C-alpha atoms as a PDB file:
ATOM      1  CA  MET A   1     131.348  98.658  47.993  1.00  0.00           C
ATOM      2  CA  VAL A   2     128.054  97.520  49.211  1.00  0.00           C
ATOM      3  CA  SER A   3     125.994  99.687  51.502  1.00  0.00           C
ATOM      4  CA  ALA A   4     123.354  98.158  53.990  1.00  0.00           C
ATOM      5  CA  SER A   5     119.813  98.449  53.127  1.00  0.00           C
ATOM      6  CA  SER A   6     117.465 100.183  55.711  1.00  0.00           C
ATOM      7  CA  ALA A   7     114.595  98.499  54.327  1.00  0.00           C
ATOM      8  CA  HIS A   8     114.641  95.716  56.897  1.00  0.00           C
ATOM      9  CA  SER A   9     114.652  96.346  60.420  1.00  0.00           C
ATOM     10  CA  ARG A  10     116.062  93.801  62.980  1.00  0.00           C
ATOM     11  CA  SER A  11     112.472  93.503  64.636  1.00  0.00           C
ATOM     12  CA  LYS A  12     111.537  91.591  61.664  1.00  0.00           C
ATOM     13  CA  LEU A  13     114.580  89.142  61.475  1.00  0.00           C
ATOM     14  CA  SER A  14     114.126  85.466  62.591  1.00  0.00           C
ATOM     15  CA  THR A  15     116.183  83.835  65.180  1.00  0.00           C
ATOM     16  CA  ASP A  16     117.800  82.147  62.004  1.00  0.00           C
ATOM     17  CA  TYR A  17     119.188  85.467  61.133  1.00  0.00           C
ATOM     18  CA  LEU A  18     120.257  86.690  64.513  1.00  0.00           C
ATOM     19  CA  ALA A  19     122.346  83.404  64.961  1.00  0.00           C
ATOM     20  CA  ILE A  20     124.006  84.230  61.569  1.00  0.00           C
ATOM     21  CA  SER A  21     125.083  87.596  62.816  1.00  0.00           C
ATOM     22  CA  LEU A  22     126.287  86.112  66.005  1.00  0.00           C
ATOM     23  CA  ARG A  23     128.296  83.331  64.251  1.00  0.00           C
ATOM     24  CA  LEU A  24     129.877  85.896  61.784  1.00  0.00           C
ATOM     25  CA  ARG A  25     130.974  88.215  64.415  1.00  0.00           C
ATOM     26  CA  SER A  26     132.492  85.814  66.817  1.00  0.00           C
ATOM     27  CA  ARG A  27     134.175  84.036  63.916  1.00  0.00           C
ATOM     28  CA  ARG A  28     135.720  87.324  62.641  1.00  0.00           C
ATOM     29  CA  GLU A  29     137.017  87.881  66.340  1.00  0.00           C
ATOM     30  CA  VAL A  30     138.540  84.366  66.438  1.00  0.00           C
ATOM     31  CA  GLU A  31     140.237  85.075  63.261  1.00  0.00           C
ATOM     32  CA  ARG A  32     141.440  88.527  64.781  1.00  0.00           C
ATOM     33  CA  TYR A  33     140.121  90.548  61.802  1.00  0.00           C
ATOM     34  CA  SER A  34     138.922  94.146  62.542  1.00  0.00           C
ATOM     35  CA  LEU A  35     135.713  95.166  61.272  1.00  0.00           C
ATOM     36  CA  ALA A  36     137.364  97.563  58.992  1.00  0.00           C
ATOM     37  CA  ALA A  37     139.912  94.934  57.671  1.00  0.00           C
ATOM     38  CA  LEU A  38     137.208  92.267  57.025  1.00  0.00           C
ATOM     39  CA  ALA A  39     135.142  94.873  55.304  1.00  0.00           C
ATOM     40  CA  ASP A  40     137.606  96.204  52.991  1.00  0.00           C
ATOM     41  CA  GLN A  41     138.730  92.696  51.936  1.00  0.00           C
ATOM     42  CA  SER A  42     134.911  91.732  51.433  1.00  0.00           C
ATOM     43  CA  GLY A  43     134.078  94.787  49.293  1.00  0.00           C
ATOM     44  CA  VAL A  44     131.677  95.919  51.730  1.00  0.00           C
ATOM     45  CA  THR A  45     131.395  99.375  53.827  1.00  0.00           C
ATOM     46  CA  LYS A  46     132.271  99.184  57.435  1.00  0.00           C
ATOM     47  CA  SER A  47     128.885 100.495  58.534  1.00  0.00           C
ATOM     48  CA  ALA A  48     127.200  97.772  56.322  1.00  0.00           C
ATOM     49  CA  LEU A  49     129.201  94.908  57.916  1.00  0.00           C
ATOM     50  CA  ARG A  50     128.485  96.086  61.374  1.00  0.00           C
ATOM     51  CA  SER A  51     124.683  96.282  60.595  1.00  0.00           C
ATOM     52  CA  TYR A  52     124.937  92.636  59.656  1.00  0.00           C
ATOM     53  CA  GLU A  53     126.880  91.612  62.549  1.00  0.00           C
ATOM     54  CA  LEU A  54     124.450  93.193  64.837  1.00  0.00           C
ATOM     55  CA  GLY A  55     121.423  91.634  63.264  1.00  0.00           C
ATOM     56  CA  VAL A  56     120.132  95.108  61.799  1.00  0.00           C
ATOM     57  CA  ALA A  57     119.728  93.870  58.401  1.00  0.00           C
ATOM     58  CA  PRO A  58     119.773  90.245  56.924  1.00  0.00           C
ATOM     59  CA  LEU A  59     123.076  89.393  55.380  1.00  0.00           C
ATOM     60  CA  PRO A  60     122.868  89.346  51.551  1.00  0.00           C
ATOM     61  CA  PHE A  61     124.376  86.275  49.833  1.00  0.00           C
ATOM     62  CA  GLY A  62     127.001  88.284  47.772  1.00  0.00           C
ATOM     63  CA  VAL A  63     128.483  89.700  50.798  1.00  0.00           C
ATOM     64  CA  GLY A  64     128.160  86.653  53.068  1.00  0.00           C
ATOM     65  CA  ASN A  65     129.748  84.578  50.256  1.00  0.00           C
ATOM     66  CA  ARG A  66     133.008  87.023  50.008  1.00  0.00           C
ATOM     67  CA  VAL A  67     133.043  87.198  53.776  1.00  0.00           C
ATOM     68  CA  CYS A  68     133.294  83.296  53.910  1.00  0.00           C
ATOM     69  CA  GLU A  69     135.712  83.301  51.390  1.00  0.00           C
ATOM     70  CA  VAL A  70     138.271  85.719  53.312  1.00  0.00           C
ATOM     71  CA  LEU A  71     137.656  83.829  56.504  1.00  0.00           C
ATOM     72  CA  ARG A  72     137.825  80.279  54.826  1.00  0.00           C
ATOM     73  CA  LEU A  73     134.565  79.722  56.260  1.00  0.00           C
ATOM     74  CA  ASN A  74     132.058  77.213  55.251  1.00  0.00           C
ATOM     75  CA  GLN A  75     128.873  78.865  53.912  1.00  0.00           C
ATOM     76  CA  TYR A  76     126.549  75.969  55.204  1.00  0.00           C
ATOM     77  CA  TRP A  77     128.002  76.277  58.670  1.00  0.00           C
ATOM     78  CA  LEU A  78     127.343  80.030  58.762  1.00  0.00           C
ATOM     79  CA  ALA A  79     123.867  79.684  57.540  1.00  0.00           C
ATOM     80  CA  HIS A  80     122.775  76.884  59.939  1.00  0.00           C
ATOM     81  CA  GLY A  81     125.302  76.660  62.807  1.00  0.00           C
ATOM     82  CA  HIS A  82     126.148  72.855  62.329  1.00  0.00           C
ATOM     83  CA  GLY A  83     128.504  70.974  60.422  1.00  0.00           C
ATOM     84  CA  SER A  84     132.147  71.748  59.830  1.00  0.00           C
ATOM     85  CA  GLU A  85     133.083  75.453  60.293  1.00  0.00           C
ATOM     86  CA  SER A  86     135.451  74.897  56.808  1.00  0.00           C
ATOM     87  CA  PRO A  87     136.191  74.811  54.104  1.00  0.00           C
ATOM     88  CA  TRP A  88     134.726  77.611  51.971  1.00  0.00           C
ATOM     89  CA  LEU A  89     132.946  76.158  48.981  1.00  0.00           C
ATOM     90  CA  ASP A  90     133.684  77.590  45.551  1.00  0.00           C
ATOM     91  CA  PHE A  91     130.299  77.002  44.032  1.00  0.00           C
ATOM     92  CA  SER A  92     131.511  78.041  40.593  1.00  0.00           C
ATOM     93  CA  VAL A  93     133.261  74.893  40.205  1.00  0.00           C
ATOM     94  CA  PHE A  94     130.046  72.651  40.588  1.00  0.00           C
ATOM     95  CA  ASP A  95     128.054  71.493  37.795  1.00  0.00           C
ATOM     96  CA  GLY A  96     125.574  74.404  37.011  1.00  0.00           C
ATOM     97  CA  GLY A  97     127.184  76.431  39.913  1.00  0.00           C
ATOM     98  CA  LYS A  98     127.740  79.786  37.941  1.00  0.00           C
ATOM     99  CA  GLU A  99     124.217  79.867  36.976  1.00  0.00           C
ATOM    100  CA  LEU A 100     122.925  79.267  40.516  1.00  0.00           C
ATOM    101  CA  LEU A 101     125.439  81.722  41.842  1.00  0.00           C
ATOM    102  CA  GLU A 102     123.941  84.499  39.431  1.00  0.00           C
ATOM    103  CA  ARG A 103     120.340  83.693  40.924  1.00  0.00           C
ATOM    104  CA  ALA A 104     121.676  83.774  44.364  1.00  0.00           C
ATOM    105  CA  GLU A 105     123.568  87.019  44.184  1.00  0.00           C
ATOM    106  CA  SER A 106     120.187  89.197  44.816  1.00  0.00           C
ATOM    107  CA  MET A 107     118.891  86.882  47.700  1.00  0.00           C
ATOM    108  CA  SER A 108     119.639  86.870  51.427  1.00  0.00           C
ATOM    109  CA  PHE A 109     122.163  84.488  52.473  1.00  0.00           C
ATOM    110  CA  LEU A 110     120.000  82.092  54.258  1.00  0.00           C
ATOM    111  CA  ASP A 111     117.600  81.955  51.513  1.00  0.00           C
ATOM    112  CA  ALA A 112     120.241  81.337  48.993  1.00  0.00           C
ATOM    113  CA  ILE A 113     122.085  78.610  51.007  1.00  0.00           C
ATOM    114  CA  SER A 114     118.706  76.942  51.931  1.00  0.00           C
ATOM    115  CA  GLY A 115     117.116  77.434  48.391  1.00  0.00           C
ATOM    116  CA  VAL A 116     118.794  77.865  45.158  1.00  0.00           C
ATOM    117  CA  LEU A 117     122.289  76.172  46.249  1.00  0.00           C
ATOM    118  CA  GLU A 118     120.997  73.595  48.680  1.00  0.00           C
ATOM    119  CA  PRO A 119     121.432  70.944  45.779  1.00  0.00           C
ATOM    120  CA  LEU A 120     124.996  71.768  45.425  1.00  0.00           C
ATOM    121  CA  ILE A 121     125.512  71.824  49.083  1.00  0.00           C
ATOM    122  CA  SER A 122     123.545  68.699  49.839  1.00  0.00           C
ATOM    123  CA  ASP A 123     125.754  66.825  46.829  1.00  0.00           C
ATOM    124  CA  TRP A 124     128.940  68.046  48.612  1.00  0.00           C
ATOM    125  CA  ARG A 125     127.644  67.022  52.141  1.00  0.00           C
ATOM    126  CA  ALA A 126     126.849  63.567  51.078  1.00  0.00           C
ATOM    127  CA  THR A 127     130.422  62.937  49.760  1.00  0.00           C
ATOM    128  CA  ASN A 128     131.740  64.194  53.202  1.00  0.00           C
ATOM    129  CA  PRO A 129     130.499  61.806  56.203  1.00  0.00           C
ATOM    130  CA  ALA A 130     131.985  64.155  58.734  1.00  0.00           C
ATOM    131  CA  GLU A 131     129.160  66.871  57.870  1.00  0.00           C
ATOM    132  CA  LEU A 132     126.392  64.613  58.567  1.00  0.00           C
ATOM    133  CA  VAL A 133     126.124  65.722  62.087  1.00  0.00           C
ATOM    134  CA  SER A 134     123.433  65.940  64.736  1.00  0.00           C
ATOM    135  CA  LYS A 135     121.201  69.012  64.696  1.00  0.00           C
ATOM    136  CA  LYS A 136     121.818  69.260  68.394  1.00  0.00           C
ATOM    137  CA  LYS A 137     125.232  70.593  67.764  1.00  0.00           C
ATOM    138  CA  ALA A 138     123.917  74.008  66.447  1.00  0.00           C
ATOM    139  CA  ASP A 139     122.925  74.925  69.938  1.00  0.00           C
ATOM    140  CA  ARG A 140     126.431  73.860  71.320  1.00  0.00           C
ATOM    141  CA  ASP A 141     128.031  75.984  68.474  1.00  0.00           C
ATOM    142  CA  GLN A 142     126.033  78.913  69.615  1.00  0.00           C
ATOM    143  CA  THR A 143     126.993  78.511  73.111  1.00  0.00           C
ATOM    144  CA  ALA A 144     130.713  77.930  72.000  1.00  0.00           C
ATOM    145  CA  ALA A 145     130.641  81.202  70.032  1.00  0.00           C
ATOM    146  CA  LEU A 146     129.333  82.960  73.195  1.00  0.00           C
ATOM    147  CA  LYS A 147     132.171  81.614  75.453  1.00  0.00           C
ATOM    148  CA  ARG A 148     134.800  82.775  73.032  1.00  0.00           C
ATOM    149  CA  MET A 149     133.619  86.367  73.371  1.00  0.00           C
ATOM    150  CA  SER A 150     135.326  88.458  75.919  1.00  0.00           C
ATOM    151  CA  ASP A 151     133.731  89.834  78.971  1.00  0.00           C
ATOM    152  CA  LYS A 152     133.549  93.344  77.435  1.00  0.00           C
ATOM    153  CA  ARG A 153     132.147  92.129  73.976  1.00  0.00           C
ATOM    154  CA  LEU A 154     129.670  89.773  75.724  1.00  0.00           C
ATOM    155  CA  GLU A 155     128.365  92.652  77.860  1.00  0.00           C
ATOM    156  CA  LEU A 156     128.401  94.856  74.747  1.00  0.00           C
ATOM    157  CA  PHE A 157     126.328  92.271  72.920  1.00  0.00           C
ATOM    158  CA  LEU A 158     123.973  91.988  75.658  1.00  0.00           C
ATOM    159  CA  ARG A 159     123.271  95.656  75.686  1.00  0.00           C
ATOM    160  CA  GLU A 160     122.550  95.744  72.046  1.00  0.00           C
ATOM    161  CA  THR A 161     120.354  92.740  72.170  1.00  0.00           C
ATOM    162  CA  VAL A 162     118.279  94.497  75.391  1.00  0.00           C
ATOM    163  CA  THR A 163     118.039  97.620  72.981  1.00  0.00           C
ATOM    164  CA  GLU A 164     116.724  95.823  70.129  1.00  0.00           C
ATOM    165  CA  PHE A 165     114.200  93.726  72.257  1.00  0.00           C
ATOM    166  CA  CYS A 166     112.810  96.845  73.672  1.00  0.00           C
ATOM    167  CA  ASN A 167     112.318  98.208  69.963  1.00  0.00           C
ATOM    168  CA  ALA A 168     111.080  94.912  68.349  1.00  0.00           C
ATOM    169  CA  GLU A 169     107.297  94.309  67.710  1.00  0.00           C
ATOM    170  CA  ARG A 170     105.534  92.116  69.911  1.00  0.00           C
ATOM    171  CA  LEU A 171     105.443  89.501  67.714  1.00  0.00           C
ATOM    172  CA  HIS A 172     109.031  89.110  67.622  1.00  0.00           C
ATOM    173  CA  LYS A 173     109.970  89.700  71.351  1.00  0.00           C
ATOM    174  CA  GLY A 174     110.066  85.892  71.982  1.00  0.00           C
ATOM    175  CA  GLU A 175     112.823  85.699  69.745  1.00  0.00           C
ATOM    176  CA  TYR A 176     115.088  88.125  71.356  1.00  0.00           C
ATOM    177  CA  LEU A 177     114.074  86.467  74.883  1.00  0.00           C
ATOM    178  CA  LYS A 178     115.427  83.190  73.648  1.00  0.00           C
ATOM    179  CA  LEU A 179     118.963  84.906  72.742  1.00  0.00           C
ATOM    180  CA  LEU A 180     118.795  87.035  75.822  1.00  0.00           C
ATOM    181  CA  ARG A 181     118.333  83.899  78.189  1.00  0.00           C
ATOM    182  CA  THR A 182     121.344  82.197  76.448  1.00  0.00           C
ATOM    183  CA  VAL A 183     123.758  85.268  76.779  1.00  0.00           C
ATOM    184  CA  LEU A 184     122.448  85.846  80.468  1.00  0.00           C
ATOM    185  CA  PHE A 185     123.199  82.229  81.332  1.00  0.00           C
ATOM    186  CA  GLU A 186     126.709  82.650  80.108  1.00  0.00           C
ATOM    187  CA  LEU A 187     127.174  85.982  81.894  1.00  0.00           C
ATOM    188  CA  GLU A 188     126.008  84.166  85.206  1.00  0.00           C
ATOM    189  CA  GLU A 189     128.413  81.251  84.798  1.00  0.00           C
ATOM    190  CA  ARG A 190     131.250  83.857  84.406  1.00  0.00           C
ATOM    191  CA  ASN A 191     130.345  86.062  87.291  1.00  0.00           C
ATOM    192  CA  SER A 192     128.288  84.066  89.939  1.00  0.00           C
ATOM    193  CA  PRO A 193     130.257  83.347  93.256  1.00  0.00           C
ATOM    194  CA  LYS A 194     131.054  79.726  94.029  1.00  0.00           C
ATOM    195  CA  ASN A 195     128.987  78.202  96.351  1.00  0.00           C
ATOM    196  CA  ALA A 196     128.446  74.872  98.335  1.00  0.00           C
ATOM    197  CA  LEU A 197     127.742  72.788  95.435  1.00  0.00           C
ATOM    198  CA  THR A 198     130.818  73.800  93.476  1.00  0.00           C
ATOM    199  CA  GLU A 199     133.275  74.311  96.532  1.00  0.00           C
ATOM    200  CA  SER A 200     132.391  71.618  99.197  1.00  0.00           C
ATOM    201  CA  ALA A 201     134.327  68.746  97.586  1.00  0.00           C
ATOM    202  CA  PRO A 202     138.080  68.953  96.655  1.00  0.00           C
ATOM    203  CA  SER A 203     137.568  68.153  93.192  1.00  0.00           C
ATOM    204  CA  GLY A 204     135.173  71.102  92.856  1.00  0.00           C
ATOM    205  CA  HIS A 205     132.187  68.862  92.170  1.00  0.00           C
ATOM    206  CA  CYS A 206     129.880  67.309  95.084  1.00  0.00           C
ATOM    207  CA  SER A 207     128.910  63.708  94.952  1.00  0.00           C
ATOM    208  CA  ALA A 208     125.374  62.680  94.855  1.00  0.00           C
ATOM    209  CA  MET A 209     125.381  61.935  98.557  1.00  0.00           C
ATOM    210  CA  GLN A 210     127.061  65.450  99.484  1.00  0.00           C
ATOM    211  CA  ILE A 211     124.156  67.159  97.357  1.00  0.00           C
ATOM    212  CA  ALA A 212     121.438  64.959  99.213  1.00  0.00           C
ATOM    213  CA  ASP A 213     122.683  66.137 102.564  1.00  0.00           C
ATOM    214  CA  LEU A 214     122.871  69.779 101.512  1.00  0.00           C
ATOM    215  CA  VAL A 215     119.436  69.506 100.067  1.00  0.00           C
ATOM    216  CA  LYS A 216     117.897  67.806 102.935  1.00  0.00           C
ATOM    217  CA  ASN A 217     119.631  70.418 105.408  1.00  0.00           C
ATOM    218  CA  ALA A 218     118.247  73.338 103.488  1.00  0.00           C
ATOM    219  CA  ARG A 219     114.979  71.933 103.499  1.00  0.00           C
ATOM    220  CA  THR A 220     115.055  71.284 107.201  1.00  0.00           C
ATOM    221  CA  GLN A 221     116.237  74.974 107.977  1.00  0.00           C
ATOM    222  CA  LEU A 222     113.026  76.370 106.327  1.00  0.00           C
ATOM    223  CA  GLY A 223     111.056  73.908 108.174  1.00  0.00           C
ATOM    224  CA  LEU A 224     109.407  72.501 105.066  1.00  0.00           C
ATOM    225  CA  SER A 225     107.983  69.029 104.462  1.00  0.00           C
ATOM    226  CA  ARG A 226     109.222  67.396 101.177  1.00  0.00           C
ATOM    227  CA  GLU A 227     105.693  68.223  99.469  1.00  0.00           C
ATOM    228  CA  ALA A 228     106.005  71.732 100.554  1.00  0.00           C
ATOM    229  CA  ALA A 229     109.740  72.029  99.348  1.00  0.00           C
ATOM    230  CA  ALA A 230     108.892  70.485  96.009  1.00  0.00           C
ATOM    231  CA  GLN A 231     106.049  73.044  95.612  1.00  0.00           C
ATOM    232  CA  ARG A 232     108.065  76.076  96.678  1.00  0.00           C
ATOM    233  CA  TRP A 233     111.104  75.257  94.652  1.00  0.00           C
ATOM    234  CA  ASN A 234     109.154  74.039  91.449  1.00  0.00           C
ATOM    235  CA  ILE A 235     110.827  70.595  91.499  1.00  0.00           C
ATOM    236  CA  PRO A 236     108.767  67.568  90.895  1.00  0.00           C
ATOM    237  CA  LEU A 237     108.222  65.583  94.185  1.00  0.00           C
ATOM    238  CA  GLY A 238     109.667  62.445  92.756  1.00  0.00           C
ATOM    239  CA  THR A 239     112.703  64.154  91.551  1.00  0.00           C
ATOM    240  CA  LEU A 240     113.373  65.792  94.897  1.00  0.00           C
ATOM    241  CA  ARG A 241     113.021  62.414  96.713  1.00  0.00           C
ATOM    242  CA  LYS A 242     115.795  61.117  94.328  1.00  0.00           C
ATOM    243  CA  TYR A 243     118.056  64.223  95.016  1.00  0.00           C
ATOM    244  CA  GLU A 244     117.628  63.667  99.049  1.00  0.00           C
ATOM    245  CA  SER A 245     118.320  59.889  98.771  1.00  0.00           C
ATOM    246  CA  GLY A 246     121.341  60.427  96.654  1.00  0.00           C
ATOM    247  CA  GLU A 247     119.503  58.286  93.753  1.00  0.00           C
ATOM    248  CA  ARG A 248     119.980  61.182  91.390  1.00  0.00           C
ATOM    249  CA  LYS A 249     122.397  63.715  90.856  1.00  0.00           C
ATOM    250  CA  PRO A 250     121.247  67.379  89.432  1.00  0.00           C
ATOM    251  CA  ARG A 251     123.221  68.547  86.488  1.00  0.00           C
ATOM    252  CA  GLY A 252     123.190  71.613  84.217  1.00  0.00           C
ATOM    253  CA  LEU A 253     120.429  73.972  84.876  1.00  0.00           C
ATOM    254  CA  ALA A 254     119.002  71.780  87.693  1.00  0.00           C
ATOM    255  CA  LEU A 255     122.288  72.187  89.612  1.00  0.00           C
ATOM    256  CA  ARG A 256     121.978  75.894  89.030  1.00  0.00           C
ATOM    257  CA  GLN A 257     118.583  75.745  90.433  1.00  0.00           C
ATOM    258  CA  LEU A 258     119.826  74.101  93.618  1.00  0.00           C
ATOM    259  CA  GLU A 259     122.583  76.557  94.026  1.00  0.00           C
ATOM    260  CA  THR A 260     120.104  79.299  94.094  1.00  0.00           C
ATOM    261  CA  ILE A 261     118.040  77.358  96.687  1.00  0.00           C
ATOM    262  CA  LEU A 262     120.986  76.761  98.832  1.00  0.00           C
ATOM    263  CA  HIS A 263     122.240  80.233  98.465  1.00  0.00           C
ATOM    264  CA  SER A 264     118.715  81.632  99.705  1.00  0.00           C
ATOM    265  CA  SER A 265     119.093  79.139 102.747  1.00  0.00           C
ATOM    266  CA  GLY A 266     122.355  80.428 103.952  1.00  0.00           C
ATOM    267  CA  LEU A 267     124.260  77.534 102.811  1.00  0.00           C
ATOM    268  CA  SER A 268     126.578  79.050 100.162  1.00  0.00           C
ATOM    269  CA  SER A 269     130.099  79.108 101.072  1.00  0.00           C
ATOM    270  CA  ASP A 270     132.347  82.330 101.068  1.00  0.00           C
END
């Protein structure tokens, strides 16, 4: 059995290691493995595996590789968050793979995949065109992992991350804030009441002209000129003008921002 080392504190971990812990935990839950069952099959103590899933310590390559084998998980995906989630790669069958595995055994998972094993992975990816995906998919994978969590698990993950943020050194707090923003946005999506922008149209989505009318009404109710509204709402004047003319339709975070504005103006639907 392998025990977790206390030599590494989570406050010193980079966002890359935190992302690995998130992917590992979410994948285990998707595959319906209990923490104890996966630890037993991977040859690691339950407490050690928990520490890796919480980001308390960096995942060692030996442990990570055995976990990937049990879950049939691709090591490159676990390390970087993009590409296919499977198959697991048996590096021992690659030319020179056994020697490189021996060198990687004492390294962290990320360092091994990005370092000594990178040539083997590059050769494999070069023969698998489907692996050559956009880097932007990494962010979508992290968001998808959060969405697969149950409400209870997501709230627990939030509490754990807040605790670690409070204990982190000032230098590393920004890394936790980035993760916290992603988690909080997912919680807001699940728990925010529907409002005028999502309820007013039968399809559940407003047209550009419906949004234009709502924005103009909100500004009128507040007695604001377009210039004053743009400054107060922190929206570029040109963008606000396009919203009000129906020339442009807000999406994503911009849509959420307008929902908040309309709610504060008393235009949210009950």
